[in-house]
Amino acid sequence: MPGRHTAENLAATLNEAVDAWRMTGKVVACVHDNASNIVAANIPERVDWVSVACFAHTFQLAINDAFKLFVYKVISAAGKLVCHFNHSTIAWKALEGKQEQIQLPKHKLIQSCKTRWNSVFDMFERLLEQRWAVTAVLSDRTVTKLQDARILEIQGRILGNNGWS
């Protein structure tokens, strides 16, 4: 949509689309996220339908709020670890070698995405699957500097234990 995304402009664009599609009087509801501009665009003074906040989006916001507690620290640390392997050719090649050596599937690590709540699960599931190969690469000083390993090791920084659970 060209122009500013003000409530007035959004409402005008929605109404124009409804008119262009010859659906005036037929639209019952508009499902949208919780951004203040789209909520304000869908008030009765601007549109002829019911405003409905998207449940999935609202649920995602609630999950993100819950993650801001301790869980966010773990997610953030795991994300940095995955990012390291996904952006370092040396680390990725070493991981592939360790996967082959200990007969693990040659799977890439999965980066979580804030807007996809299940991606956090996918990231941790893959890290759990690959934990021994990841640990081996982090322990290999020909691949990972001690300083980098200390930053990337989740258990020492976040979990406070001696191994992956």
Protein backbone atom coordinates (compact mmCIF):
# COMPACT_ATOMS: atom_id res chain seq x y z
CA MET A 1 0.00 0.00 0.00
CA PRO A 2 1.57 3.32 -1.00
CA GLY A 3 1.54 6.17 1.51
CA ARG A 4 1.47 6.15 5.27
CA HIS A 5 -0.27 3.30 7.03
CA THR A 6 -2.52 5.48 9.16
CA ALA A 7 -5.90 4.22 10.34
CA GLU A 8 -7.62 6.56 7.90
CA ASN A 9 -5.53 5.39 4.92
CA LEU A 10 -5.92 1.72 5.83
CA ALA A 11 -9.71 2.09 6.19
CA ALA A 12 -9.91 3.90 2.85
CA THR A 13 -7.85 1.19 1.14
CA LEU A 14 -9.97 -1.59 2.66
CA ASN A 15 -13.19 0.15 1.62
CA GLU A 16 -11.83 0.75 -1.90
CA ALA A 17 -10.90 -2.93 -2.22
CA VAL A 18 -14.36 -4.02 -1.06
CA ASP A 19 -15.95 -1.65 -3.59
CA ALA A 20 -13.60 -2.75 -6.40
CA TRP A 21 -14.44 -6.40 -5.74
CA ARG A 22 -18.18 -5.55 -5.67
CA MET A 23 -18.51 -6.89 -2.15
CA THR A 24 -20.06 -3.82 -0.51
CA GLY A 25 -22.53 -4.99 2.12
CA LYS A 26 -21.28 -8.58 1.89
CA VAL A 27 -18.17 -8.39 4.11
CA VAL A 28 -19.03 -9.57 7.61
CA ALA A 29 -15.68 -9.24 9.39
CA CYS A 30 -12.04 -8.28 8.97
CA VAL A 31 -9.50 -10.44 10.75
CA HIS A 32 -6.30 -8.56 11.49
CA ASP A 33 -3.29 -8.34 13.77
CA ASN A 34 -3.23 -6.14 16.88
CA ALA A 35 -1.35 -3.15 15.45
CA SER A 36 -3.04 0.02 16.66
CA ASN A 37 -3.43 1.43 13.13
CA ILE A 38 -5.34 -1.58 11.74
CA VAL A 39 -7.46 -1.85 14.90
CA ALA A 40 -8.37 1.84 14.55
CA ALA A 41 -9.05 1.37 10.82
CA ASN A 42 -11.68 -1.27 11.58
CA ILE A 43 -13.95 0.74 13.87
CA PRO A 44 -17.65 1.17 12.95
CA GLU A 45 -17.14 4.83 12.06
CA ARG A 46 -14.76 3.79 9.23
CA VAL A 47 -16.00 0.39 7.99
CA ASP A 48 -19.23 -1.62 7.76
CA TRP A 49 -17.94 -4.89 9.21
CA VAL A 50 -16.90 -6.37 12.53
CA SER A 51 -13.30 -6.04 13.66
CA VAL A 52 -11.80 -9.40 14.73
CA ALA A 53 -8.32 -9.69 16.23
CA CYS A 54 -6.48 -12.70 14.81
CA PHE A 55 -6.32 -15.42 17.45
CA ALA A 56 -3.04 -16.83 16.14
CA HIS A 57 -1.39 -13.40 16.25
CA THR A 58 -2.71 -12.71 19.76
CA PHE A 59 -1.54 -16.15 20.87
CA GLN A 60 1.90 -15.45 19.37
CA LEU A 61 2.12 -12.19 21.32
CA ALA A 62 1.23 -14.03 24.53
CA ILE A 63 3.91 -16.65 23.85
CA ASN A 64 6.51 -13.93 23.16
CA ASP A 65 5.59 -12.22 26.45
CA ALA A 66 6.06 -15.51 28.31
CA PHE A 67 9.40 -16.06 26.56
CA LYS A 68 10.67 -12.69 27.79
CA LEU A 69 11.20 -14.30 31.17
CA PHE A 70 13.95 -16.90 31.67
CA VAL A 71 12.98 -18.85 28.56
CA TYR A 72 13.96 -15.93 26.33
CA LYS A 73 17.56 -16.14 27.57
CA VAL A 74 17.72 -19.80 26.61
CA ILE A 75 16.09 -19.15 23.22
CA SER A 76 18.47 -16.26 22.56
CA ALA A 77 21.53 -18.34 23.50
CA ALA A 78 20.36 -21.23 21.30
CA GLY A 79 19.71 -18.78 18.46
CA LYS A 80 23.27 -17.42 18.71
CA LEU A 81 24.62 -20.97 18.63
CA VAL A 82 22.57 -21.85 15.54
CA CYS A 83 23.54 -18.56 13.90
CA HIS A 84 27.22 -19.39 14.44
CA PHE A 85 26.90 -22.72 12.63
CA ASN A 86 24.70 -21.28 9.87
CA HIS A 87 27.07 -18.38 9.13
CA SER A 88 30.47 -20.00 9.59
CA THR A 89 31.50 -22.29 6.74
CA ILE A 90 34.29 -23.74 8.90
CA ALA A 91 31.91 -24.55 11.76
CA TRP A 92 29.27 -25.97 9.39
CA LYS A 93 31.82 -28.21 7.62
CA ALA A 94 33.15 -29.38 10.97
CA LEU A 95 29.59 -30.15 12.09
CA GLU A 96 29.00 -32.17 8.92
CA GLY A 97 32.20 -34.12 9.63
CA LYS A 98 31.15 -34.84 13.22
CA GLN A 99 27.66 -35.85 12.07
CA GLU A 100 29.20 -38.38 9.71
CA GLN A 101 31.72 -39.57 12.29
CA ILE A 102 29.09 -40.29 14.95
CA GLN A 103 26.46 -41.36 12.40
CA LEU A 104 23.95 -38.58 12.91
CA PRO A 105 21.66 -37.31 10.15
CA LYS A 106 23.30 -34.53 8.13
CA HIS A 107 20.72 -31.95 9.14
CA LYS A 108 21.32 -28.21 9.24
CA LEU A 109 20.50 -26.50 12.50
CA ILE A 110 17.19 -24.62 12.48
CA GLN A 111 16.99 -20.93 13.38
CA SER A 112 13.88 -19.86 15.26
CA CYS A 113 11.73 -17.03 13.96
CA LYS A 114 9.86 -14.74 16.35
CA THR A 115 6.69 -14.76 14.28
CA ARG A 116 6.50 -18.56 14.06
CA TRP A 117 5.98 -19.95 17.56
CA ASN A 118 6.64 -23.55 16.49
CA SER A 119 10.06 -22.58 15.12
CA VAL A 120 11.41 -22.40 18.70
CA PHE A 121 10.35 -26.01 19.16
CA ASP A 122 11.93 -26.95 15.81
CA MET A 123 15.19 -25.22 16.77
CA PHE A 124 15.45 -27.03 20.11
CA GLU A 125 14.39 -30.37 18.63
CA ARG A 126 17.19 -30.12 16.05
CA LEU A 127 19.74 -28.98 18.65
CA LEU A 128 18.78 -31.94 20.81
CA GLU A 129 19.19 -34.29 17.84
CA GLN A 130 22.60 -32.79 17.01
CA ARG A 131 23.82 -32.11 20.57
CA TRP A 132 26.78 -34.49 20.44
CA ALA A 133 28.04 -33.21 17.10
CA VAL A 134 27.57 -29.58 18.19
CA THR A 135 29.39 -30.24 21.48
CA ALA A 136 32.22 -31.98 19.64
CA VAL A 137 32.70 -29.01 17.29
CA LEU A 138 32.61 -26.53 20.16
CA SER A 139 35.23 -28.63 21.97
CA ASP A 140 37.55 -28.83 18.95
CA ARG A 141 40.07 -25.98 19.34
CA THR A 142 41.16 -26.34 15.69
CA VAL A 143 37.63 -25.21 14.74
CA THR A 144 36.28 -23.18 17.66
CA LYS A 145 38.40 -20.77 19.71
CA LEU A 146 38.05 -21.22 23.47
CA GLN A 147 36.68 -17.69 23.80
CA ASP A 148 34.00 -18.38 21.16
CA ALA A 149 33.14 -21.75 22.70
CA ARG A 150 32.57 -20.12 26.08
CA ILE A 151 30.19 -17.62 24.49
CA LEU A 152 28.33 -20.27 22.49
CA GLU A 153 28.01 -23.02 25.12
CA ILE A 154 24.45 -22.86 26.32
CA GLN A 155 24.85 -25.06 29.39
CA GLY A 156 27.52 -22.94 31.02
CA ARG A 157 25.89 -19.58 30.38
CA ILE A 158 22.22 -20.35 30.82
CA LEU A 159 21.46 -23.79 32.16
CA GLY A 160 24.18 -23.89 34.81
CA ASN A 161 24.82 -27.61 34.52
CA ASN A 162 27.52 -29.83 33.08
CA GLY A 163 25.72 -31.11 30.02
CA TRP A 164 22.77 -31.06 27.71
CA SER A 165 19.59 -32.46 29.14
